[in-house]
PDB file of N, CA and C in Angstrom:
ATOM      1  N   MET A   1    -245.780  33.229 189.475  1.00  0.00           N
ATOM      2  CA  MET A   1    -247.203  33.229 189.200  1.00  0.00           C
ATOM      3  C   MET A   1    -247.496  32.060 188.254  1.00  0.00           C
ATOM      4  N   SER A   2    -248.476  31.260 188.591  1.00  0.00           N
ATOM      5  CA  SER A   2    -248.830  30.121 187.747  1.00  0.00           C
ATOM      6  C   SER A   2    -249.608  30.596 186.524  1.00  0.00           C
ATOM      7  N   SER A   3    -249.685  29.725 185.524  1.00  0.00           N
ATOM      8  CA  SER A   3    -250.436  30.096 184.319  1.00  0.00           C
ATOM      9  C   SER A   3    -251.921  30.254 184.634  1.00  0.00           C
ATOM     10  N   GLY A   4    -252.437  29.490 185.608  1.00  0.00           N
ATOM     11  CA  GLY A   4    -253.834  29.634 186.006  1.00  0.00           C
ATOM     12  C   GLY A   4    -254.110  31.008 186.602  1.00  0.00           C
ATOM     13  N   GLU A   5    -253.196  31.468 187.464  1.00  0.00           N
ATOM     14  CA  GLU A   5    -253.355  32.793 188.048  1.00  0.00           C
ATOM     15  C   GLU A   5    -253.256  33.876 186.980  1.00  0.00           C
ATOM     16  N   ARG A   6    -252.328  33.699 186.071  1.00  0.00           N
ATOM     17  CA  ARG A   6    -252.166  34.670 184.988  1.00  0.00           C
ATOM     18  C   ARG A   6    -253.433  34.726 184.139  1.00  0.00           C
ATOM     19  N   ASN A   7    -253.998  33.558 183.838  1.00  0.00           N
ATOM     20  CA  ASN A   7    -255.235  33.511 183.046  1.00  0.00           C
ATOM     21  C   ASN A   7    -256.385  34.205 183.775  1.00  0.00           C
ATOM     22  N   LEU A   8    -256.482  33.997 185.085  1.00  0.00           N
ATOM     23  CA  LEU A   8    -257.534  34.667 185.858  1.00  0.00           C
ATOM     24  C   LEU A   8    -257.346  36.178 185.835  1.00  0.00           C
ATOM     25  N   GLY A   9    -256.107  36.628 185.956  1.00  0.00           N
ATOM     26  CA  GLY A   9    -255.835  38.057 185.906  1.00  0.00           C
ATOM     27  C   GLY A   9    -256.203  38.658 184.565  1.00  0.00           C
ATOM     28  N   GLU A  10    -255.857  37.969 183.498  1.00  0.00           N
ATOM     29  CA  GLU A  10    -256.203  38.450 182.159  1.00  0.00           C
ATOM     30  C   GLU A  10    -257.714  38.479 181.976  1.00  0.00           C
ATOM     31  N   TRP A  11    -258.379  37.445 182.460  1.00  0.00           N
ATOM     32  CA  TRP A  11    -259.843  37.384 182.359  1.00  0.00           C
ATOM     33  C   TRP A  11    -260.466  38.559 183.115  1.00  0.00           C
ATOM     34  N   ALA A  12    -259.959  38.816 184.337  1.00  0.00           N
ATOM     35  CA  ALA A  12    -260.513  39.905 185.148  1.00  0.00           C
ATOM     36  C   ALA A  12    -260.301  41.249 184.454  1.00  0.00           C
ATOM     37  N   ARG A  13    -259.113  41.456 183.915  1.00  0.00           N
ATOM     38  CA  ARG A  13    -258.843  42.719 183.216  1.00  0.00           C
ATOM     39  C   ARG A  13    -259.773  42.872 182.019  1.00  0.00           C
ATOM     40  N   TYR A  14    -260.032  41.794 181.332  1.00  0.00           N
ATOM     41  CA  TYR A  14    -260.936  41.805 180.177  1.00  0.00           C
ATOM     42  C   TYR A  14    -262.356  42.182 180.604  1.00  0.00           C
ATOM     43  N   GLN A  15    -262.801  41.696 181.772  1.00  0.00           N
ATOM     44  CA  GLN A  15    -264.157  41.965 182.244  1.00  0.00           C
ATOM     45  C   GLN A  15    -264.380  43.456 182.514  1.00  0.00           C
ATOM     46  N   ARG A  16    -263.338  44.152 182.971  1.00  0.00           N
ATOM     47  CA  ARG A  16    -263.479  45.584 183.262  1.00  0.00           C
ATOM     48  C   ARG A  16    -263.869  46.375 182.016  1.00  0.00           C
ATOM     49  N   ARG A  17    -263.476  45.893 180.866  1.00  0.00           N
ATOM     50  CA  ARG A  17    -263.797  46.588 179.613  1.00  0.00           C
ATOM     51  C   ARG A  17    -265.297  46.616 179.341  1.00  0.00           C
ATOM     52  N   PHE A  18    -265.992  45.627 179.877  1.00  0.00           N
ATOM     53  CA  PHE A  18    -267.423  45.483 179.587  1.00  0.00           C
ATOM     54  C   PHE A  18    -268.284  45.713 180.821  1.00  0.00           C
ATOM     55  N   GLU A  19    -267.802  46.514 181.732  1.00  0.00           N
ATOM     56  CA  GLU A  19    -268.498  46.743 182.993  1.00  0.00           C
ATOM     57  C   GLU A  19    -269.955  47.137 182.784  1.00  0.00           C
ATOM     58  N   GLU A  20    -270.226  48.008 181.840  1.00  0.00           N
ATOM     59  CA  GLU A  20    -271.590  48.487 181.602  1.00  0.00           C
ATOM     60  C   GLU A  20    -272.504  47.391 181.057  1.00  0.00           C
ATOM     61  N   GLU A  21    -271.948  46.386 180.439  1.00  0.00           N
ATOM     62  CA  GLU A  21    -272.758  45.335 179.815  1.00  0.00           C
ATOM     63  C   GLU A  21    -272.990  44.128 180.717  1.00  0.00           C
ATOM     64  N   LEU A  22    -272.343  44.080 181.874  1.00  0.00           N
ATOM     65  CA  LEU A  22    -272.486  42.932 182.756  1.00  0.00           C
ATOM     66  C   LEU A  22    -273.824  42.977 183.485  1.00  0.00           C
ATOM     67  N   ASN A  23    -274.427  41.804 183.693  1.00  0.00           N
ATOM     68  CA  ASN A  23    -275.659  41.764 184.472  1.00  0.00           C
ATOM     69  C   ASN A  23    -275.322  41.747 185.966  1.00  0.00           C
ATOM     70  N   ALA A  24    -276.332  41.830 186.801  1.00  0.00           N
ATOM     71  CA  ALA A  24    -276.132  41.932 188.247  1.00  0.00           C
ATOM     72  C   ALA A  24    -275.391  40.712 188.796  1.00  0.00           C
ATOM     73  N   TYR A  25    -275.718  39.539 188.289  1.00  0.00           N
ATOM     74  CA  TYR A  25    -275.050  38.321 188.760  1.00  0.00           C
ATOM     75  C   TYR A  25    -273.557  38.358 188.413  1.00  0.00           C
ATOM     76  N   GLN A  26    -273.237  38.742 187.198  1.00  0.00           N
ATOM     77  CA  GLN A  26    -271.836  38.808 186.782  1.00  0.00           C
ATOM     78  C   GLN A  26    -271.064  39.823 187.624  1.00  0.00           C
ATOM     79  N   ARG A  27    -271.675  40.963 187.884  1.00  0.00           N
ATOM     80  CA  ARG A  27    -271.016  41.986 188.718  1.00  0.00           C
ATOM     81  C   ARG A  27    -270.808  41.468 190.141  1.00  0.00           C
ATOM     82  N   ALA A  28    -271.822  40.796 190.673  1.00  0.00           N
ATOM     83  CA  ALA A  28    -271.717  40.263 192.030  1.00  0.00           C
ATOM     84  C   ALA A  28    -270.605  39.223 192.122  1.00  0.00           C
ATOM     85  N   ARG A  29    -270.496  38.383 191.108  1.00  0.00           N
ATOM     86  CA  ARG A  29    -269.427  37.365 191.090  1.00  0.00           C
ATOM     87  C   ARG A  29    -268.056  38.032 191.067  1.00  0.00           C
ATOM     88  N   LEU A  30    -267.917  39.087 190.295  1.00  0.00           N
ATOM     89  CA  LEU A  30    -266.641  39.800 190.251  1.00  0.00           C
ATOM     90  C   LEU A  30    -266.362  40.500 191.580  1.00  0.00           C
ATOM     91  N   ASP A  31    -267.402  41.041 192.201  1.00  0.00           N
ATOM     92  CA  ASP A  31    -267.223  41.739 193.478  1.00  0.00           C
ATOM     93  C   ASP A  31    -266.676  40.821 194.569  1.00  0.00           C
ATOM     94  N   VAL A  32    -267.045  39.546 194.550  1.00  0.00           N
ATOM     95  CA  VAL A  32    -266.585  38.630 195.599  1.00  0.00           C
ATOM     96  C   VAL A  32    -265.304  37.896 195.229  1.00  0.00           C
ATOM     97  N   SER A  33    -264.822  38.087 194.027  1.00  0.00           N
ATOM     98  CA  SER A  33    -263.602  37.403 193.602  1.00  0.00           C
ATOM     99  C   SER A  33    -262.372  38.072 194.203  1.00  0.00           C
ATOM    100  N   PRO A  34    -261.524  37.309 194.907  1.00  0.00           N
ATOM    101  CA  PRO A  34    -260.306  37.903 195.461  1.00  0.00           C
ATOM    102  C   PRO A  34    -259.294  38.281 194.371  1.00  0.00           C
ATOM    103  N   ALA A  35    -259.469  37.763 193.172  1.00  0.00           N
ATOM    104  CA  ALA A  35    -258.543  38.047 192.072  1.00  0.00           C
ATOM    105  C   ALA A  35    -258.951  39.270 191.268  1.00  0.00           C
ATOM    106  N   PHE A  36    -260.073  39.901 191.646  1.00  0.00           N
ATOM    107  CA  PHE A  36    -260.598  40.985 190.829  1.00  0.00           C
ATOM    108  C   PHE A  36    -260.755  42.255 191.645  1.00  0.00           C
ATOM    109  N   ASP A  37    -260.436  43.373 191.032  1.00  0.00           N
ATOM    110  CA  ASP A  37    -260.664  44.687 191.622  1.00  0.00           C
ATOM    111  C   ASP A  37    -261.087  45.609 190.497  1.00  0.00           C
ATOM    112  N   TRP A  38    -262.143  46.374 190.709  1.00  0.00           N
ATOM    113  CA  TRP A  38    -262.635  47.267 189.658  1.00  0.00           C
ATOM    114  C   TRP A  38    -261.620  48.342 189.317  1.00  0.00           C
ATOM    115  N   ASP A  39    -260.856  48.765 190.309  1.00  0.00           N
ATOM    116  CA  ASP A  39    -259.846  49.803 190.091  1.00  0.00           C
ATOM    117  C   ASP A  39    -258.530  49.326 190.701  1.00  0.00           C
ATOM    118  N   PRO A  40    -257.748  48.563 189.951  1.00  0.00           N
ATOM    119  CA  PRO A  40    -256.532  47.975 190.514  1.00  0.00           C
ATOM    120  C   PRO A  40    -255.499  49.013 190.953  1.00  0.00           C
ATOM    121  N   LEU A  41    -255.422  50.148 190.283  1.00  0.00           N
ATOM    122  CA  LEU A  41    -254.457  51.167 190.689  1.00  0.00           C
ATOM    123  C   LEU A  41    -254.832  51.777 192.038  1.00  0.00           C
ATOM    124  N   GLU A  42    -256.119  51.981 192.256  1.00  0.00           N
ATOM    125  CA  GLU A  42    -256.577  52.483 193.553  1.00  0.00           C
ATOM    126  C   GLU A  42    -256.305  51.444 194.638  1.00  0.00           C
ATOM    127  N   HIS A  43    -256.518  50.188 194.314  1.00  0.00           N
ATOM    128  CA  HIS A  43    -256.250  49.110 195.270  1.00  0.00           C
ATOM    129  C   HIS A  43    -254.774  49.114 195.675  1.00  0.00           C
ATOM    130  N   ILE A  44    -253.896  49.268 194.712  1.00  0.00           N
ATOM    131  CA  ILE A  44    -252.460  49.295 195.000  1.00  0.00           C
ATOM    132  C   ILE A  44    -252.121  50.497 195.877  1.00  0.00           C
ATOM    133  N   TRP A  45    -252.705  51.675 195.551  1.00  0.00           N
ATOM    134  CA  TRP A  45    -252.428  52.869 196.344  1.00  0.00           C
ATOM    135  C   TRP A  45    -252.878  52.656 197.790  1.00  0.00           C
ATOM    136  N   ARG A  46    -254.081  52.122 197.974  1.00  0.00           N
ATOM    137  CA  ARG A  46    -254.595  51.889 199.327  1.00  0.00           C
ATOM    138  C   ARG A  46    -253.728  50.900 200.098  1.00  0.00           C
ATOM    139  N   GLN A  47    -253.238  49.875 199.395  1.00  0.00           N
ATOM    140  CA  GLN A  47    -252.387  48.885 200.053  1.00  0.00           C
ATOM    141  C   GLN A  47    -251.063  49.500 200.484  1.00  0.00           C
ATOM    142  N   LYS A  48    -250.443  50.298 199.617  1.00  0.00           N
ATOM    143  CA  LYS A  48    -249.177  50.964 199.972  1.00  0.00           C
ATOM    144  C   LYS A  48    -249.399  51.918 201.149  1.00  0.00           C
ATOM    145  N   PHE A  49    -250.490  52.650 201.127  1.00  0.00           N
ATOM    146  CA  PHE A  49    -250.787  53.567 202.225  1.00  0.00           C
ATOM    147  C   PHE A  49    -250.994  52.791 203.527  1.00  0.00           C
ATOM    148  N   ALA A  50    -251.741  51.693 203.457  1.00  0.00           N
ATOM    149  CA  ALA A  50    -251.955  50.863 204.643  1.00  0.00           C
ATOM    150  C   ALA A  50    -250.633  50.321 205.166  1.00  0.00           C
ATOM    151  N   ASP A  51    -249.726  49.953 204.270  1.00  0.00           N
ATOM    152  CA  ASP A  51    -248.405  49.482 204.681  1.00  0.00           C
ATOM    153  C   ASP A  51    -247.638  50.579 205.420  1.00  0.00           C
ATOM    154  N   CYS A  52    -247.756  51.825 204.943  1.00  0.00           N
ATOM    155  CA  CYS A  52    -247.102  52.956 205.620  1.00  0.00           C
ATOM    156  C   CYS A  52    -247.702  53.183 207.007  1.00  0.00           C
ATOM    157  N   VAL A  53    -249.016  53.103 207.108  1.00  0.00           N
ATOM    158  CA  VAL A  53    -249.680  53.280 208.401  1.00  0.00           C
ATOM    159  C   VAL A  53    -249.248  52.173 209.354  1.00  0.00           C
ATOM    160  N   HIS A  54    -249.215  50.947 208.866  1.00  0.00           N
ATOM    161  CA  HIS A  54    -248.789  49.820 209.705  1.00  0.00           C
ATOM    162  C   HIS A  54    -247.338  50.021 210.161  1.00  0.00           C
ATOM    163  N   PHE A  55    -246.483  50.466 209.267  1.00  0.00           N
ATOM    164  CA  PHE A  55    -245.091  50.731 209.627  1.00  0.00           C
ATOM    165  C   PHE A  55    -245.028  51.785 210.727  1.00  0.00           C
ATOM    166  N   PHE A  56    -245.807  52.849 210.575  1.00  0.00           N
ATOM    167  CA  PHE A  56    -245.830  53.912 211.583  1.00  0.00           C
ATOM    168  C   PHE A  56    -246.329  53.381 212.925  1.00  0.00           C
ATOM    169  N   GLU A  57    -247.388  52.593 212.903  1.00  0.00           N
ATOM    170  CA  GLU A  57    -247.933  52.044 214.139  1.00  0.00           C
ATOM    171  C   GLU A  57    -246.932  51.117 214.824  1.00  0.00           C
ATOM    172  N   ARG A  58    -246.169  50.396 214.043  1.00  0.00           N
ATOM    173  CA  ARG A  58    -245.194  49.445 214.579  1.00  0.00           C
ATOM    174  C   ARG A  58    -243.943  50.132 215.110  1.00  0.00           C
ATOM    175  N   THR A  59    -243.481  51.184 214.419  1.00  0.00           N
ATOM    176  CA  THR A  59    -242.202  51.798 214.773  1.00  0.00           C
ATOM    177  C   THR A  59    -242.325  53.167 215.412  1.00  0.00           C
ATOM    178  N   GLY A  60    -243.468  53.829 215.244  1.00  0.00           N
ATOM    179  CA  GLY A  60    -243.622  55.184 215.751  1.00  0.00           C
ATOM    180  C   GLY A  60    -243.010  56.246 214.858  1.00  0.00           C
ATOM    181  N   ALA A  61    -242.588  55.853 213.651  1.00  0.00           N
ATOM    182  CA  ALA A  61    -241.982  56.787 212.702  1.00  0.00           C
ATOM    183  C   ALA A  61    -242.425  56.427 211.292  1.00  0.00           C
ATOM    184  N   LEU A  62    -242.349  57.408 210.412  1.00  0.00           N
ATOM    185  CA  LEU A  62    -242.633  57.138 208.996  1.00  0.00           C
ATOM    186  C   LEU A  62    -241.442  56.423 208.376  1.00  0.00           C
ATOM    187  N   PRO A  63    -241.662  55.673 207.305  1.00  0.00           N
ATOM    188  CA  PRO A  63    -240.544  54.987 206.649  1.00  0.00           C
ATOM    189  C   PRO A  63    -239.504  55.976 206.137  1.00  0.00           C
ATOM    190  N   ARG A  64    -238.226  55.574 206.226  1.00  0.00           N
ATOM    191  CA  ARG A  64    -237.113  56.395 205.743  1.00  0.00           C
ATOM    192  C   ARG A  64    -236.334  55.622 204.686  1.00  0.00           C
ATOM    193  N   LEU A  65    -235.498  56.332 203.975  1.00  0.00           N
ATOM    194  CA  LEU A  65    -234.676  55.708 202.938  1.00  0.00           C
ATOM    195  C   LEU A  65    -233.530  54.941 203.597  1.00  0.00           C
ATOM    196  N   ASN A  66    -233.903  53.833 204.202  1.00  0.00           N
ATOM    197  CA  ASN A  66    -232.973  52.980 204.932  1.00  0.00           C
ATOM    198  C   ASN A  66    -232.496  51.874 203.996  1.00  0.00           C
ATOM    199  N   ALA A  67    -231.277  51.992 203.494  1.00  0.00           N
ATOM    200  CA  ALA A  67    -230.771  51.035 202.511  1.00  0.00           C
ATOM    201  C   ALA A  67    -230.630  49.629 203.083  1.00  0.00           C
ATOM    202  N   VAL A  68    -230.554  49.507 204.389  1.00  0.00           N
ATOM    203  CA  VAL A  68    -230.414  48.191 205.014  1.00  0.00           C
ATOM    204  C   VAL A  68    -231.729  47.417 204.987  1.00  0.00           C
ATOM    205  N   ASP A  69    -232.844  48.129 205.103  1.00  0.00           N
ATOM    206  CA  ASP A  69    -234.171  47.506 205.134  1.00  0.00           C
ATOM    207  C   ASP A  69    -234.882  47.808 203.818  1.00  0.00           C
ATOM    208  N   ARG A  70    -234.918  46.823 202.939  1.00  0.00           N
ATOM    209  CA  ARG A  70    -235.497  47.013 201.594  1.00  0.00           C
ATOM    210  C   ARG A  70    -236.976  47.383 201.650  1.00  0.00           C
ATOM    211  N   VAL A  71    -237.716  46.790 202.570  1.00  0.00           N
ATOM    212  CA  VAL A  71    -239.151  47.087 202.681  1.00  0.00           C
ATOM    213  C   VAL A  71    -239.350  48.544 203.093  1.00  0.00           C
ATOM    214  N   GLU A  72    -238.622  48.978 204.119  1.00  0.00           N
ATOM    215  CA  GLU A  72    -238.738  50.368 204.553  1.00  0.00           C
ATOM    216  C   GLU A  72    -238.307  51.318 203.434  1.00  0.00           C
ATOM    217  N   PHE A  73    -237.238  50.989 202.751  1.00  0.00           N
ATOM    218  CA  PHE A  73    -236.741  51.831 201.665  1.00  0.00           C
ATOM    219  C   PHE A  73    -237.803  51.992 200.575  1.00  0.00           C
ATOM    220  N   THR A  74    -238.427  50.901 200.190  1.00  0.00           N
ATOM    221  CA  THR A  74    -239.460  50.928 199.151  1.00  0.00           C
ATOM    222  C   THR A  74    -240.659  51.758 199.593  1.00  0.00           C
ATOM    223  N   LEU A  75    -241.080  51.571 200.835  1.00  0.00           N
ATOM    224  CA  LEU A  75    -242.196  52.363 201.360  1.00  0.00           C
ATOM    225  C   LEU A  75    -241.834  53.844 201.408  1.00  0.00           C
ATOM    226  N   ALA A  76    -240.619  54.161 201.810  1.00  0.00           N
ATOM    227  CA  ALA A  76    -240.190  55.565 201.896  1.00  0.00           C
ATOM    228  C   ALA A  76    -240.179  56.216 200.516  1.00  0.00           C
ATOM    229  N   ARG A  77    -239.735  55.492 199.513  1.00  0.00           N
ATOM    230  CA  ARG A  77    -239.745  56.047 198.151  1.00  0.00           C
ATOM    231  C   ARG A  77    -241.170  56.318 197.695  1.00  0.00           C
ATOM    232  N   TRP A  78    -242.069  55.353 197.941  1.00  0.00           N
ATOM    233  CA  TRP A  78    -243.467  55.533 197.556  1.00  0.00           C
ATOM    234  C   TRP A  78    -244.067  56.735 198.301  1.00  0.00           C
ATOM    235  N   LEU A  79    -243.844  56.788 199.617  1.00  0.00           N
ATOM    236  CA  LEU A  79    -244.396  57.872 200.425  1.00  0.00           C
ATOM    237  C   LEU A  79    -243.831  59.220 199.978  1.00  0.00           C
ATOM    238  N   GLY A  80    -242.553  59.260 199.666  1.00  0.00           N
ATOM    239  CA  GLY A  80    -241.943  60.501 199.198  1.00  0.00           C
ATOM    240  C   GLY A  80    -242.585  61.006 197.915  1.00  0.00           C
ATOM    241  N   ARG A  81    -242.873  60.091 196.991  1.00  0.00           N
ATOM    242  CA  ARG A  81    -243.546  60.489 195.742  1.00  0.00           C
ATOM    243  C   ARG A  81    -244.945  61.022 196.028  1.00  0.00           C
ATOM    244  N   GLN A  82    -245.644  60.390 196.958  1.00  0.00           N
ATOM    245  CA  GLN A  82    -246.998  60.843 197.286  1.00  0.00           C
ATOM    246  C   GLN A  82    -246.968  62.212 197.958  1.00  0.00           C
ATOM    247  N   LEU A  83    -246.001  62.419 198.844  1.00  0.00           N
ATOM    248  CA  LEU A  83    -245.881  63.718 199.516  1.00  0.00           C
ATOM    249  C   LEU A  83    -245.518  64.814 198.515  1.00  0.00           C
ATOM    250  N   GLN A  84    -244.693  64.487 197.540  1.00  0.00           N
ATOM    251  CA  GLN A  84    -244.357  65.463 196.506  1.00  0.00           C
ATOM    252  C   GLN A  84    -245.601  65.818 195.691  1.00  0.00           C
ATOM    253  N   ARG A  85    -246.392  64.820 195.331  1.00  0.00           N
ATOM    254  CA  ARG A  85    -247.645  65.069 194.600  1.00  0.00           C
ATOM    255  C   ARG A  85    -248.592  65.924 195.443  1.00  0.00           C
ATOM    256  N   LEU A  86    -248.636  65.671 196.754  1.00  0.00           N
ATOM    257  CA  LEU A  86    -249.470  66.462 197.655  1.00  0.00           C
ATOM    258  C   LEU A  86    -248.989  67.919 197.669  1.00  0.00           C
ATOM    259  N   LYS A  87    -247.696  68.101 197.745  1.00  0.00           N
ATOM    260  CA  LYS A  87    -247.113  69.449 197.820  1.00  0.00           C
ATOM    261  C   LYS A  87    -247.445  70.287 196.589  1.00  0.00           C
ATOM    262  N   VAL A  88    -247.444  69.666 195.405  1.00  0.00           N
ATOM    263  CA  VAL A  88    -247.700  70.417 194.176  1.00  0.00           C
ATOM    264  C   VAL A  88    -249.175  70.393 193.770  1.00  0.00           C
ATOM    265  N   GLY A  89    -250.025  69.814 194.623  1.00  0.00           N
ATOM    266  CA  GLY A  89    -251.466  69.832 194.363  1.00  0.00           C
ATOM    267  C   GLY A  89    -251.944  68.830 193.336  1.00  0.00           C
ATOM    268  N   LYS A  90    -251.195  67.748 193.139  1.00  0.00           N
ATOM    269  CA  LYS A  90    -251.587  66.750 192.142  1.00  0.00           C
ATOM    270  C   LYS A  90    -252.125  65.462 192.767  1.00  0.00           C
ATOM    271  N   LEU A  91    -252.435  65.502 194.035  1.00  0.00           N
ATOM    272  CA  LEU A  91    -252.968  64.310 194.698  1.00  0.00           C
ATOM    273  C   LEU A  91    -254.467  64.483 194.878  1.00  0.00           C
ATOM    274  N   GLU A  92    -255.238  63.471 194.484  1.00  0.00           N
ATOM    275  CA  GLU A  92    -256.692  63.520 194.542  1.00  0.00           C
ATOM    276  C   GLU A  92    -257.183  63.684 195.979  1.00  0.00           C
ATOM    277  N   GLY A  93    -258.411  64.160 196.130  1.00  0.00           N
ATOM    278  CA  GLY A  93    -259.005  64.504 197.418  1.00  0.00           C
ATOM    279  C   GLY A  93    -258.877  63.473 198.518  1.00  0.00           C
ATOM    280  N   GLU A  94    -259.370  62.260 198.303  1.00  0.00           N
ATOM    281  CA  GLU A  94    -259.341  61.241 199.355  1.00  0.00           C
ATOM    282  C   GLU A  94    -257.917  60.848 199.701  1.00  0.00           C
ATOM    283  N   ARG A  95    -257.064  60.773 198.699  1.00  0.00           N
ATOM    284  CA  ARG A  95    -255.669  60.433 198.949  1.00  0.00           C
ATOM    285  C   ARG A  95    -254.978  61.544 199.733  1.00  0.00           C
ATOM    286  N   ALA A  96    -255.240  62.777 199.354  1.00  0.00           N
ATOM    287  CA  ALA A  96    -254.652  63.913 200.063  1.00  0.00           C
ATOM    288  C   ALA A  96    -255.120  63.913 201.519  1.00  0.00           C
ATOM    289  N   ASP A  97    -256.396  63.679 201.733  1.00  0.00           N
ATOM    290  CA  ASP A  97    -256.937  63.636 203.100  1.00  0.00           C
ATOM    291  C   ASP A  97    -256.267  62.536 203.915  1.00  0.00           C
ATOM    292  N   ALA A  98    -256.074  61.375 203.316  1.00  0.00           N
ATOM    293  CA  ALA A  98    -255.433  60.258 204.017  1.00  0.00           C
ATOM    294  C   ALA A  98    -254.007  60.615 204.414  1.00  0.00           C
ATOM    295  N   LEU A  99    -253.264  61.237 203.507  1.00  0.00           N
ATOM    296  CA  LEU A  99    -251.888  61.631 203.835  1.00  0.00           C
ATOM    297  C   LEU A  99    -251.857  62.692 204.928  1.00  0.00           C
ATOM    298  N   HIS A 100    -252.787  63.642 204.879  1.00  0.00           N
ATOM    299  CA  HIS A 100    -252.849  64.655 205.944  1.00  0.00           C
ATOM    300  C   HIS A 100    -253.116  64.005 207.297  1.00  0.00           C
ATOM    301  N   ARG A 101    -253.997  63.011 207.336  1.00  0.00           N
ATOM    302  CA  ARG A 101    -254.266  62.308 208.603  1.00  0.00           C
ATOM    303  C   ARG A 101    -253.009  61.608 209.109  1.00  0.00           C
ATOM    304  N   LEU A 102    -252.271  60.968 208.217  1.00  0.00           N
ATOM    305  CA  LEU A 102    -251.039  60.285 208.615  1.00  0.00           C
ATOM    306  C   LEU A 102    -250.016  61.290 209.148  1.00  0.00           C
ATOM    307  N   LEU A 103    -249.903  62.427 208.499  1.00  0.00           N
ATOM    308  CA  LEU A 103    -248.946  63.443 208.957  1.00  0.00           C
ATOM    309  C   LEU A 103    -249.349  64.018 210.323  1.00  0.00           C
ATOM    310  N   ARG A 104    -250.656  64.160 210.543  1.00  0.00           N
ATOM    311  CA  ARG A 104    -251.110  64.631 211.856  1.00  0.00           C
ATOM    312  C   ARG A 104    -250.772  63.613 212.950  1.00  0.00           C
ATOM    313  N   LEU A 105    -250.931  62.323 212.633  1.00  0.00           N
ATOM    314  CA  LEU A 105    -250.560  61.280 213.600  1.00  0.00           C
ATOM    315  C   LEU A 105    -249.078  61.368 213.948  1.00  0.00           C
ATOM    316  N   ARG A 106    -248.263  61.609 212.936  1.00  0.00           N
ATOM    317  CA  ARG A 106    -246.820  61.697 213.161  1.00  0.00           C
ATOM    318  C   ARG A 106    -246.483  62.876 214.065  1.00  0.00           C
ATOM    319  N   ARG A 107    -247.156  63.991 213.871  1.00  0.00           N
ATOM    320  CA  ARG A 107    -246.885  65.187 214.694  1.00  0.00           C
ATOM    321  C   ARG A 107    -247.269  64.966 216.150  1.00  0.00           C
ATOM    322  N   ARG A 108    -248.300  64.163 216.377  1.00  0.00           N
ATOM    323  CA  ARG A 108    -248.759  63.911 217.750  1.00  0.00           C
ATOM    324  C   ARG A 108    -247.793  63.014 218.528  1.00  0.00           C
ATOM    325  N   SER A 109    -247.040  62.202 217.807  1.00  0.00           N
ATOM    326  CA  SER A 109    -246.175  61.256 218.521  1.00  0.00           C
ATOM    327  C   SER A 109    -244.809  61.838 218.840  1.00  0.00           C
TER     328      SER A 109
END
């Protein structure tokens, strides 16, 4: 990561602190910035979930703990943690719904 990218990331994180004080133009500029996300943790979760869906669409199976394929292994670990959270009721509504849809797709195939 270059120092310019790091500076942009720090700037974006700083802007989230003042969300309520930003004017419409400032908010709009942040909304169109590819380096900015209002909720970075949600963005990461959605990206990991999309990666799992893409893996399923490509292979017809959910990711497994395949030590030979580092990408599949990483996805399987993430998915396993999410399924465990779902099982114990600690996964938020939209996330739980998304996982249920993925599991239904798996059962159909």
